[in-house]
Amino acid sequence: MKLNNLEILNINGALQALAKEKIAGAFKFKLLKLLRQIEPEAKTIIESLELTDKERIAQTEGNKEILETEQELELNTITEKELEPLALSVSDLVALEKVIEEGEE
């Protein structure tokens, strides 16, 4: 799946938040597996970005270029049905949009 680096960071952030929720069974395993797939990519992106003294992403042309760079990643997906029981914000859903597939699996 083709994602830009900003999308990768957003997906990683949403998955990190979900990993802290009380989720049981096979879906928890599936979420953690997806997180383990994307987490190394997110760390590499963060390491390449110029940060401000408050650990925020600096608004530089170089950072913009890095965040817009696309990568091809092999990621597992999650279904809408699997996410139904979770209390997700709209921003979480937007962040996860690329790894959500329709259906029940």
PDB file of N, CA and C in Angstrom:
ATOM      1  N   MET A   1       0.850  -1.162   0.000  1.00  0.00           N
ATOM      2  CA  MET A   1       0.000   0.000   0.000  1.00  0.00           C
ATOM      3  C   MET A   1       0.898   1.228   0.000  1.00  0.00           C
ATOM      4  N   LYS A   2       0.516   2.229  -0.773  1.00  0.00           N
ATOM      5  CA  LYS A   2       1.311   3.445  -0.896  1.00  0.00           C
ATOM      6  C   LYS A   2       0.809   4.478   0.107  1.00  0.00           C
ATOM      7  N   LEU A   3       1.716   4.949   0.959  1.00  0.00           N
ATOM      8  CA  LEU A   3       1.395   5.943   1.988  1.00  0.00           C
ATOM      9  C   LEU A   3       2.481   7.005   2.010  1.00  0.00           C
ATOM     10  N   ASN A   4       2.078   8.249   2.291  1.00  0.00           N
ATOM     11  CA  ASN A   4       3.124   9.244   2.499  1.00  0.00           C
ATOM     12  C   ASN A   4       3.539   9.195   3.969  1.00  0.00           C
ATOM     13  N   ASN A   5       4.663   9.811   4.269  1.00  0.00           N
ATOM     14  CA  ASN A   5       5.213   9.711   5.622  1.00  0.00           C
ATOM     15  C   ASN A   5       4.309  10.333   6.678  1.00  0.00           C
ATOM     16  N   LEU A   6       3.569  11.380   6.325  1.00  0.00           N
ATOM     17  CA  LEU A   6       2.631  11.967   7.280  1.00  0.00           C
ATOM     18  C   LEU A   6       1.523  10.969   7.616  1.00  0.00           C
ATOM     19  N   GLU A   7       1.023  10.257   6.611  1.00  0.00           N
ATOM     20  CA  GLU A   7       0.000   9.234   6.862  1.00  0.00           C
ATOM     21  C   GLU A   7       0.549   8.129   7.762  1.00  0.00           C
ATOM     22  N   ILE A   8       1.788   7.743   7.539  1.00  0.00           N
ATOM     23  CA  ILE A   8       2.414   6.706   8.366  1.00  0.00           C
ATOM     24  C   ILE A   8       2.483   7.160   9.819  1.00  0.00           C
ATOM     25  N   LEU A   9       2.900   8.403  10.042  1.00  0.00           N
ATOM     26  CA  LEU A   9       2.966   8.924  11.412  1.00  0.00           C
ATOM     27  C   LEU A   9       1.583   8.980  12.057  1.00  0.00           C
ATOM     28  N   ASN A  10       0.576   9.389  11.290  1.00  0.00           N
ATOM     29  CA  ASN A  10      -0.782   9.470  11.832  1.00  0.00           C
ATOM     30  C   ASN A  10      -1.351   8.091  12.161  1.00  0.00           C
ATOM     31  N   ILE A  11      -1.117   7.124  11.292  1.00  0.00           N
ATOM     32  CA  ILE A  11      -1.573   5.755  11.556  1.00  0.00           C
ATOM     33  C   ILE A  11      -0.883   5.222  12.803  1.00  0.00           C
ATOM     34  N   ASN A  12       0.415   5.441  12.896  1.00  0.00           N
ATOM     35  CA  ASN A  12       1.166   4.981  14.061  1.00  0.00           C
ATOM     36  C   ASN A  12       0.608   5.593  15.346  1.00  0.00           C
ATOM     37  N   GLY A  13       0.333   6.880  15.333  1.00  0.00           N
ATOM     38  CA  GLY A  13      -0.215   7.548  16.514  1.00  0.00           C
ATOM     39  C   GLY A  13      -1.561   6.987  16.931  1.00  0.00           C
ATOM     40  N   ALA A  14      -2.434   6.751  15.949  1.00  0.00           N
ATOM     41  CA  ALA A  14      -3.755   6.198  16.248  1.00  0.00           C
ATOM     42  C   ALA A  14      -3.634   4.774  16.793  1.00  0.00           C
ATOM     43  N   LEU A  15      -2.731   3.983  16.224  1.00  0.00           N
ATOM     44  CA  LEU A  15      -2.535   2.612  16.707  1.00  0.00           C
ATOM     45  C   LEU A  15      -1.919   2.599  18.102  1.00  0.00           C
ATOM     46  N   GLN A  16      -1.014   3.529  18.372  1.00  0.00           N
ATOM     47  CA  GLN A  16      -0.425   3.628  19.716  1.00  0.00           C
ATOM     48  C   GLN A  16      -1.523   3.898  20.746  1.00  0.00           C
ATOM     49  N   ALA A  17      -2.453   4.786  20.401  1.00  0.00           N
ATOM     50  CA  ALA A  17      -3.561   5.098  21.310  1.00  0.00           C
ATOM     51  C   ALA A  17      -4.465   3.882  21.501  1.00  0.00           C
ATOM     52  N   LEU A  18      -4.755   3.167  20.414  1.00  0.00           N
ATOM     53  CA  LEU A  18      -5.597   1.969  20.511  1.00  0.00           C
ATOM     54  C   LEU A  18      -4.926   0.876  21.330  1.00  0.00           C
ATOM     55  N   ALA A  19      -3.617   0.781  21.244  1.00  0.00           N
ATOM     56  CA  ALA A  19      -2.887  -0.257  21.978  1.00  0.00           C
ATOM     57  C   ALA A  19      -3.042  -0.090  23.485  1.00  0.00           C
ATOM     58  N   LYS A  20      -3.374   1.111  23.931  1.00  0.00           N
ATOM     59  CA  LYS A  20      -3.557   1.370  25.359  1.00  0.00           C
ATOM     60  C   LYS A  20      -4.969   1.030  25.838  1.00  0.00           C
ATOM     61  N   GLU A  21      -5.882   0.800  24.891  1.00  0.00           N
ATOM     62  CA  GLU A  21      -7.264   0.463  25.241  1.00  0.00           C
ATOM     63  C   GLU A  21      -7.357  -0.995  25.695  1.00  0.00           C
ATOM     64  N   LYS A  22      -8.405  -1.301  26.427  1.00  0.00           N
ATOM     65  CA  LYS A  22      -8.644  -2.686  26.849  1.00  0.00           C
ATOM     66  C   LYS A  22      -9.355  -3.417  25.713  1.00  0.00           C
ATOM     67  N   ILE A  23      -8.574  -4.150  24.953  1.00  0.00           N
ATOM     68  CA  ILE A  23      -9.077  -4.925  23.824  1.00  0.00           C
ATOM     69  C   ILE A  23      -8.643  -6.360  24.061  1.00  0.00           C
ATOM     70  N   ALA A  24      -9.543  -7.284  23.829  1.00  0.00           N
ATOM     71  CA  ALA A  24      -9.231  -8.685  24.111  1.00  0.00           C
ATOM     72  C   ALA A  24      -9.193  -9.510  22.829  1.00  0.00           C
ATOM     73  N   GLY A  25      -8.577 -10.648  22.948  1.00  0.00           N
ATOM     74  CA  GLY A  25      -8.645 -11.670  21.923  1.00  0.00           C
ATOM     75  C   GLY A  25      -7.843 -11.403  20.668  1.00  0.00           C
ATOM     76  N   ALA A  26      -8.323 -12.009  19.587  1.00  0.00           N
ATOM     77  CA  ALA A  26      -7.610 -12.003  18.319  1.00  0.00           C
ATOM     78  C   ALA A  26      -7.447 -10.603  17.744  1.00  0.00           C
ATOM     79  N   PHE A  27      -8.424  -9.723  17.983  1.00  0.00           N
ATOM     80  CA  PHE A  27      -8.314  -8.374  17.434  1.00  0.00           C
ATOM     81  C   PHE A  27      -7.152  -7.608  18.070  1.00  0.00           C
ATOM     82  N   LYS A  28      -6.923  -7.831  19.355  1.00  0.00           N
ATOM     83  CA  LYS A  28      -5.784  -7.185  20.025  1.00  0.00           C
ATOM     84  C   LYS A  28      -4.482  -7.634  19.363  1.00  0.00           C
ATOM     85  N   PHE A  29      -4.367  -8.916  19.102  1.00  0.00           N
ATOM     86  CA  PHE A  29      -3.188  -9.455  18.432  1.00  0.00           C
ATOM     87  C   PHE A  29      -3.022  -8.814  17.054  1.00  0.00           C
ATOM     88  N   LYS A  30      -4.135  -8.699  16.328  1.00  0.00           N
ATOM     89  CA  LYS A  30      -4.102  -8.126  14.987  1.00  0.00           C
ATOM     90  C   LYS A  30      -3.649  -6.659  15.027  1.00  0.00           C
ATOM     91  N   LEU A  31      -4.169  -5.890  15.987  1.00  0.00           N
ATOM     92  CA  LEU A  31      -3.776  -4.488  16.132  1.00  0.00           C
ATOM     93  C   LEU A  31      -2.292  -4.360  16.474  1.00  0.00           C
ATOM     94  N   LEU A  32      -1.830  -5.178  17.393  1.00  0.00           N
ATOM     95  CA  LEU A  32      -0.421  -5.116  17.786  1.00  0.00           C
ATOM     96  C   LEU A  32       0.504  -5.527  16.638  1.00  0.00           C
ATOM     97  N   LYS A  33       0.066  -6.485  15.845  1.00  0.00           N
ATOM     98  CA  LYS A  33       0.854  -6.909  14.694  1.00  0.00           C
ATOM     99  C   LYS A  33       0.960  -5.769  13.672  1.00  0.00           C
ATOM    100  N   LEU A  34      -0.152  -5.074  13.437  1.00  0.00           N
ATOM    101  CA  LEU A  34      -0.149  -3.927  12.535  1.00  0.00           C
ATOM    102  C   LEU A  34       0.741  -2.811  13.085  1.00  0.00           C
ATOM    103  N   LEU A  35       0.650  -2.577  14.371  1.00  0.00           N
ATOM    104  CA  LEU A  35       1.496  -1.563  15.008  1.00  0.00           C
ATOM    105  C   LEU A  35       2.971  -1.914  14.836  1.00  0.00           C
ATOM    106  N   ARG A  36       3.325  -3.171  15.008  1.00  0.00           N
ATOM    107  CA  ARG A  36       4.723  -3.602  14.862  1.00  0.00           C
ATOM    108  C   ARG A  36       5.206  -3.466  13.417  1.00  0.00           C
ATOM    109  N   GLN A  37       4.275  -3.530  12.463  1.00  0.00           N
ATOM    110  CA  GLN A  37       4.657  -3.347  11.066  1.00  0.00           C
ATOM    111  C   GLN A  37       4.988  -1.881  10.773  1.00  0.00           C
ATOM    112  N   ILE A  38       4.217  -0.977  11.331  1.00  0.00           N
ATOM    113  CA  ILE A  38       4.353   0.436  10.972  1.00  0.00           C
ATOM    114  C   ILE A  38       5.292   1.213  11.897  1.00  0.00           C
ATOM    115  N   GLU A  39       5.453   0.741  13.119  1.00  0.00           N
ATOM    116  CA  GLU A  39       6.246   1.462  14.119  1.00  0.00           C
ATOM    117  C   GLU A  39       7.697   1.736  13.689  1.00  0.00           C
ATOM    118  N   PRO A  40       8.422   0.766  13.115  1.00  0.00           N
ATOM    119  CA  PRO A  40       9.804   1.053  12.695  1.00  0.00           C
ATOM    120  C   PRO A  40       9.876   2.144  11.623  1.00  0.00           C
ATOM    121  N   GLU A  41       8.899   2.144  10.718  1.00  0.00           N
ATOM    122  CA  GLU A  41       8.861   3.177   9.679  1.00  0.00           C
ATOM    123  C   GLU A  41       8.647   4.547  10.309  1.00  0.00           C
ATOM    124  N   ALA A  42       7.725   4.624  11.266  1.00  0.00           N
ATOM    125  CA  ALA A  42       7.437   5.893  11.940  1.00  0.00           C
ATOM    126  C   ALA A  42       8.672   6.400  12.688  1.00  0.00           C
ATOM    127  N   LYS A  43       9.387   5.499  13.341  1.00  0.00           N
ATOM    128  CA  LYS A  43      10.598   5.905  14.075  1.00  0.00           C
ATOM    129  C   LYS A  43      11.651   6.472  13.128  1.00  0.00           C
ATOM    130  N   THR A  44      11.817   5.845  11.976  1.00  0.00           N
ATOM    131  CA  THR A  44      12.779   6.332  10.989  1.00  0.00           C
ATOM    132  C   THR A  44      12.386   7.722  10.490  1.00  0.00           C
ATOM    133  N   ILE A  45      11.103   7.916  10.244  1.00  0.00           N
ATOM    134  CA  ILE A  45      10.621   9.227   9.787  1.00  0.00           C
ATOM    135  C   ILE A  45      10.901  10.283  10.851  1.00  0.00           C
ATOM    136  N   ILE A  46      10.546   9.984  12.087  1.00  0.00           N
ATOM    137  CA  ILE A  46      10.741  10.938  13.184  1.00  0.00           C
ATOM    138  C   ILE A  46      12.217  11.292  13.336  1.00  0.00           C
ATOM    139  N   GLU A  47      13.082  10.289  13.223  1.00  0.00           N
ATOM    140  CA  GLU A  47      14.521  10.533  13.347  1.00  0.00           C
ATOM    141  C   GLU A  47      15.047  11.432  12.233  1.00  0.00           C
ATOM    142  N   SER A  48      14.386  11.424  11.078  1.00  0.00           N
ATOM    143  CA  SER A  48      14.850  12.233   9.949  1.00  0.00           C
ATOM    144  C   SER A  48      14.318  13.665   9.981  1.00  0.00           C
ATOM    145  N   LEU A  49      13.330  13.937  10.823  1.00  0.00           N
ATOM    146  CA  LEU A  49      12.715  15.265  10.880  1.00  0.00           C
ATOM    147  C   LEU A  49      13.480  16.214  11.794  1.00  0.00           C
ATOM    148  N   GLU A  50      13.448  17.474  11.426  1.00  0.00           N
ATOM    149  CA  GLU A  50      14.012  18.524  12.274  1.00  0.00           C
ATOM    150  C   GLU A  50      12.929  18.928  13.273  1.00  0.00           C
ATOM    151  N   LEU A  51      13.263  18.878  14.562  1.00  0.00           N
ATOM    152  CA  LEU A  51      12.296  19.195  15.611  1.00  0.00           C
ATOM    153  C   LEU A  51      12.610  20.546  16.239  1.00  0.00           C
ATOM    154  N   THR A  52      11.578  21.168  16.809  1.00  0.00           N
ATOM    155  CA  THR A  52      11.777  22.414  17.544  1.00  0.00           C
ATOM    156  C   THR A  52      12.283  22.070  18.937  1.00  0.00           C
ATOM    157  N   ASP A  53      12.610  23.080  19.706  1.00  0.00           N
ATOM    158  CA  ASP A  53      13.084  22.838  21.071  1.00  0.00           C
ATOM    159  C   ASP A  53      11.993  22.253  21.962  1.00  0.00           C
ATOM    160  N   LYS A  54      10.737  22.297  21.517  1.00  0.00           N
ATOM    161  CA  LYS A  54       9.627  21.706  22.280  1.00  0.00           C
ATOM    162  C   LYS A  54       9.234  20.336  21.717  1.00  0.00           C
ATOM    163  N   GLU A  55      10.148  19.729  20.952  1.00  0.00           N
ATOM    164  CA  GLU A  55       9.949  18.390  20.382  1.00  0.00           C
ATOM    165  C   GLU A  55       8.767  18.323  19.414  1.00  0.00           C
ATOM    166  N   ARG A  56       8.462  19.421  18.786  1.00  0.00           N
ATOM    167  CA  ARG A  56       7.435  19.455  17.744  1.00  0.00           C
ATOM    168  C   ARG A  56       8.137  19.472  16.390  1.00  0.00           C
ATOM    169  N   ILE A  57       7.424  19.061  15.356  1.00  0.00           N
ATOM    170  CA  ILE A  57       8.001  19.069  14.016  1.00  0.00           C
ATOM    171  C   ILE A  57       8.151  20.515  13.556  1.00  0.00           C
ATOM    172  N   ALA A  58       9.370  20.895  13.215  1.00  0.00           N
ATOM    173  CA  ALA A  58       9.641  22.255  12.745  1.00  0.00           C
ATOM    174  C   ALA A  58       9.007  22.456  11.370  1.00  0.00           C
ATOM    175  N   GLN A  59       8.512  23.649  11.139  1.00  0.00           N
ATOM    176  CA  GLN A  59       7.885  23.980   9.861  1.00  0.00           C
ATOM    177  C   GLN A  59       8.965  24.409   8.869  1.00  0.00           C
ATOM    178  N   THR A  60       9.671  23.429   8.320  1.00  0.00           N
ATOM    179  CA  THR A  60      10.735  23.719   7.360  1.00  0.00           C
ATOM    180  C   THR A  60      10.408  23.069   6.027  1.00  0.00           C
ATOM    181  N   GLU A  61      11.043  23.567   4.989  1.00  0.00           N
ATOM    182  CA  GLU A  61      10.839  23.004   3.653  1.00  0.00           C
ATOM    183  C   GLU A  61      11.333  21.554   3.608  1.00  0.00           C
ATOM    184  N   GLY A  62      12.448  21.278   4.296  1.00  0.00           N
ATOM    185  CA  GLY A  62      12.974  19.911   4.336  1.00  0.00           C
ATOM    186  C   GLY A  62      12.002  18.947   4.989  1.00  0.00           C
ATOM    187  N   ASN A  63      11.393  19.364   6.096  1.00  0.00           N
ATOM    188  CA  ASN A  63      10.412  18.508   6.773  1.00  0.00           C
ATOM    189  C   ASN A  63       9.185  18.289   5.905  1.00  0.00           C
ATOM    190  N   LYS A  64       8.753  19.342   5.216  1.00  0.00           N
ATOM    191  CA  LYS A  64       7.588  19.213   4.330  1.00  0.00           C
ATOM    192  C   LYS A  64       7.872  18.158   3.259  1.00  0.00           C
ATOM    193  N   GLU A  65       9.069  18.218   2.715  1.00  0.00           N
ATOM    194  CA  GLU A  65       9.475  17.255   1.696  1.00  0.00           C
ATOM    195  C   GLU A  65       9.484  15.828   2.258  1.00  0.00           C
ATOM    196  N   ILE A  66      10.029  15.669   3.459  1.00  0.00           N
ATOM    197  CA  ILE A  66      10.072  14.347   4.097  1.00  0.00           C
ATOM    198  C   ILE A  66       8.657  13.821   4.327  1.00  0.00           C
ATOM    199  N   LEU A  67       7.772  14.660   4.855  1.00  0.00           N
ATOM    200  CA  LEU A  67       6.410  14.222   5.179  1.00  0.00           C
ATOM    201  C   LEU A  67       5.594  13.888   3.934  1.00  0.00           C
ATOM    202  N   GLU A  68       5.906  14.524   2.817  1.00  0.00           N
ATOM    203  CA  GLU A  68       5.177  14.257   1.574  1.00  0.00           C
ATOM    204  C   GLU A  68       5.730  13.059   0.810  1.00  0.00           C
ATOM    205  N   THR A  69       6.890  12.568   1.200  1.00  0.00           N
ATOM    206  CA  THR A  69       7.506  11.431   0.514  1.00  0.00           C
ATOM    207  C   THR A  69       6.645  10.187   0.679  1.00  0.00           C
ATOM    208  N   GLU A  70       6.418   9.487  -0.433  1.00  0.00           N
ATOM    209  CA  GLU A  70       5.601   8.273  -0.403  1.00  0.00           C
ATOM    210  C   GLU A  70       6.474   7.036  -0.285  1.00  0.00           C
ATOM    211  N   GLN A  71       5.916   6.043   0.376  1.00  0.00           N
ATOM    212  CA  GLN A  71       6.567   4.744   0.523  1.00  0.00           C
ATOM    213  C   GLN A  71       5.553   3.656   0.191  1.00  0.00           C
ATOM    214  N   GLU A  72       6.057   2.546  -0.252  1.00  0.00           N
ATOM    215  CA  GLU A  72       5.228   1.366  -0.485  1.00  0.00           C
ATOM    216  C   GLU A  72       5.444   0.426   0.691  1.00  0.00           C
ATOM    217  N   LEU A  73       4.394   0.174   1.468  1.00  0.00           N
ATOM    218  CA  LEU A  73       4.488  -0.695   2.638  1.00  0.00           C
ATOM    219  C   LEU A  73       3.513  -1.859   2.514  1.00  0.00           C
ATOM    220  N   GLU A  74       3.928  -2.996   3.020  1.00  0.00           N
ATOM    221  CA  GLU A  74       3.046  -4.150   3.128  1.00  0.00           C
ATOM    222  C   GLU A  74       2.463  -4.137   4.533  1.00  0.00           C
ATOM    223  N   LEU A  75       1.196  -3.753   4.649  1.00  0.00           N
ATOM    224  CA  LEU A  75       0.552  -3.669   5.955  1.00  0.00           C
ATOM    225  C   LEU A  75      -0.699  -4.525   5.993  1.00  0.00           C
ATOM    226  N   ASN A  76      -0.937  -5.145   7.133  1.00  0.00           N
ATOM    227  CA  ASN A  76      -2.208  -5.816   7.353  1.00  0.00           C
ATOM    228  C   ASN A  76      -3.288  -4.751   7.446  1.00  0.00           C
ATOM    229  N   THR A  77      -4.529  -5.159   7.261  1.00  0.00           N
ATOM    230  CA  THR A  77      -5.642  -4.225   7.393  1.00  0.00           C
ATOM    231  C   THR A  77      -6.563  -4.684   8.518  1.00  0.00           C
ATOM    232  N   ILE A  78      -7.420  -3.770   8.941  1.00  0.00           N
ATOM    233  CA  ILE A  78      -8.449  -4.081   9.927  1.00  0.00           C
ATOM    234  C   ILE A  78      -9.791  -3.729   9.300  1.00  0.00           C
ATOM    235  N   THR A  79     -10.842  -4.352   9.784  1.00  0.00           N
ATOM    236  CA  THR A  79     -12.151  -4.122   9.176  1.00  0.00           C
ATOM    237  C   THR A  79     -12.977  -3.137   9.990  1.00  0.00           C
ATOM    238  N   GLU A  80     -13.951  -2.556   9.304  1.00  0.00           N
ATOM    239  CA  GLU A  80     -14.897  -1.661   9.978  1.00  0.00           C
ATOM    240  C   GLU A  80     -15.578  -2.389  11.128  1.00  0.00           C
ATOM    241  N   LYS A  81     -15.952  -3.633  10.881  1.00  0.00           N
ATOM    242  CA  LYS A  81     -16.666  -4.435  11.881  1.00  0.00           C
ATOM    243  C   LYS A  81     -15.823  -4.613  13.150  1.00  0.00           C
ATOM    244  N   GLU A  82     -14.524  -4.832  12.976  1.00  0.00           N
ATOM    245  CA  GLU A  82     -13.638  -5.014  14.132  1.00  0.00           C
ATOM    246  C   GLU A  82     -13.525  -3.741  14.968  1.00  0.00           C
ATOM    247  N   LEU A  83     -13.667  -2.597  14.314  1.00  0.00           N
ATOM    248  CA  LEU A  83     -13.536  -1.322  15.018  1.00  0.00           C
ATOM    249  C   LEU A  83     -14.828  -0.865  15.698  1.00  0.00           C
ATOM    250  N   GLU A  84     -15.960  -1.446  15.302  1.00  0.00           N
ATOM    251  CA  GLU A  84     -17.264  -1.010  15.822  1.00  0.00           C
ATOM    252  C   GLU A  84     -17.344  -0.917  17.342  1.00  0.00           C
ATOM    253  N   PRO A  85     -16.852  -1.894  18.105  1.00  0.00           N
ATOM    254  CA  PRO A  85     -17.008  -1.810  19.561  1.00  0.00           C
ATOM    255  C   PRO A  85     -16.126  -0.754  20.238  1.00  0.00           C
ATOM    256  N   LEU A  86     -15.199  -0.181  19.502  1.00  0.00           N
ATOM    257  CA  LEU A  86     -14.263   0.769  20.102  1.00  0.00           C
ATOM    258  C   LEU A  86     -14.791   2.196  20.002  1.00  0.00           C
ATOM    259  N   ALA A  87     -14.502   2.988  21.007  1.00  0.00           N
ATOM    260  CA  ALA A  87     -14.874   4.404  20.995  1.00  0.00           C
ATOM    261  C   ALA A  87     -13.750   5.180  20.311  1.00  0.00           C
ATOM    262  N   LEU A  88     -13.914   5.409  19.016  1.00  0.00           N
ATOM    263  CA  LEU A  88     -12.884   6.098  18.246  1.00  0.00           C
ATOM    264  C   LEU A  88     -13.325   7.511  17.908  1.00  0.00           C
ATOM    265  N   SER A  89     -12.383   8.422  17.919  1.00  0.00           N
ATOM    266  CA  SER A  89     -12.682   9.790  17.498  1.00  0.00           C
ATOM    267  C   SER A  89     -12.664   9.843  15.972  1.00  0.00           C
ATOM    268  N   VAL A  90     -13.222  10.901  15.437  1.00  0.00           N
ATOM    269  CA  VAL A  90     -13.197  11.091  13.992  1.00  0.00           C
ATOM    270  C   VAL A  90     -11.747  11.195  13.515  1.00  0.00           C
ATOM    271  N   SER A  91     -10.905  11.859  14.282  1.00  0.00           N
ATOM    272  CA  SER A  91      -9.499  11.986  13.877  1.00  0.00           C
ATOM    273  C   SER A  91      -8.796  10.627  13.851  1.00  0.00           C
ATOM    274  N   ASP A  92      -9.150   9.725  14.778  1.00  0.00           N
ATOM    275  CA  ASP A  92      -8.590   8.365  14.750  1.00  0.00           C
ATOM    276  C   ASP A  92      -9.026   7.640  13.479  1.00  0.00           C
ATOM    277  N   LEU A  93     -10.308   7.758  13.143  1.00  0.00           N
ATOM    278  CA  LEU A  93     -10.819   7.093  11.941  1.00  0.00           C
ATOM    279  C   LEU A  93     -10.161   7.639  10.681  1.00  0.00           C
ATOM    280  N   VAL A  94      -9.979   8.951  10.625  1.00  0.00           N
ATOM    281  CA  VAL A  94      -9.311   9.561   9.472  1.00  0.00           C
ATOM    282  C   VAL A  94      -7.873   9.040   9.377  1.00  0.00           C
ATOM    283  N   ALA A  95      -7.184   8.977  10.501  1.00  0.00           N
ATOM    284  CA  ALA A  95      -5.797   8.495  10.516  1.00  0.00           C
ATOM    285  C   ALA A  95      -5.705   7.040  10.064  1.00  0.00           C
ATOM    286  N   LEU A  96      -6.675   6.228  10.464  1.00  0.00           N
ATOM    287  CA  LEU A  96      -6.644   4.791  10.161  1.00  0.00           C
ATOM    288  C   LEU A  96      -7.284   4.430   8.821  1.00  0.00           C
ATOM    289  N   GLU A  97      -7.868   5.402   8.157  1.00  0.00           N
ATOM    290  CA  GLU A  97      -8.639   5.166   6.938  1.00  0.00           C
ATOM    291  C   GLU A  97      -7.942   4.254   5.928  1.00  0.00           C
ATOM    292  N   LYS A  98      -6.661   4.441   5.727  1.00  0.00           N
ATOM    293  CA  LYS A  98      -5.927   3.660   4.714  1.00  0.00           C
ATOM    294  C   LYS A  98      -5.743   2.190   5.098  1.00  0.00           C
ATOM    295  N   VAL A  99      -5.863   1.859   6.386  1.00  0.00           N
ATOM    296  CA  VAL A  99      -5.692   0.463   6.808  1.00  0.00           C
ATOM    297  C   VAL A  99      -7.023  -0.185   7.208  1.00  0.00           C
ATOM    298  N   ILE A 100      -8.127   0.517   6.951  1.00  0.00           N
ATOM    299  CA  ILE A 100      -9.454  -0.036   7.240  1.00  0.00           C
ATOM    300  C   ILE A 100     -10.061  -0.523   5.937  1.00  0.00           C
ATOM    301  N   GLU A 101     -10.546  -1.747   5.962  1.00  0.00           N
ATOM    302  CA  GLU A 101     -11.256  -2.259   4.793  1.00  0.00           C
ATOM    303  C   GLU A 101     -12.702  -2.511   5.178  1.00  0.00           C
ATOM    304  N   GLU A 102     -13.562  -2.393   4.184  1.00  0.00           N
ATOM    305  CA  GLU A 102     -14.974  -2.640   4.436  1.00  0.00           C
ATOM    306  C   GLU A 102     -15.196  -4.130   4.622  1.00  0.00           C
ATOM    307  N   GLY A 103     -16.230  -4.465   5.352  1.00  0.00           N
ATOM    308  CA  GLY A 103     -16.575  -5.868   5.524  1.00  0.00           C
ATOM    309  C   GLY A 103     -16.312  -6.370   6.915  1.00  0.00           C
ATOM    310  N   GLU A 104     -16.486  -7.679   7.058  1.00  0.00           N
ATOM    311  CA  GLU A 104     -16.402  -8.301   8.377  1.00  0.00           C
ATOM    312  C   GLU A 104     -15.189  -9.182   8.559  1.00  0.00           C
ATOM    313  N   GLU A 105     -14.596  -9.632   7.492  1.00  0.00           N
ATOM    314  CA  GLU A 105     -13.460 -10.576   7.482  1.00  0.00           C
ATOM    315  C   GLU A 105     -13.848 -11.872   8.041  1.00  0.00           C
TER     316      GLU A 105
END
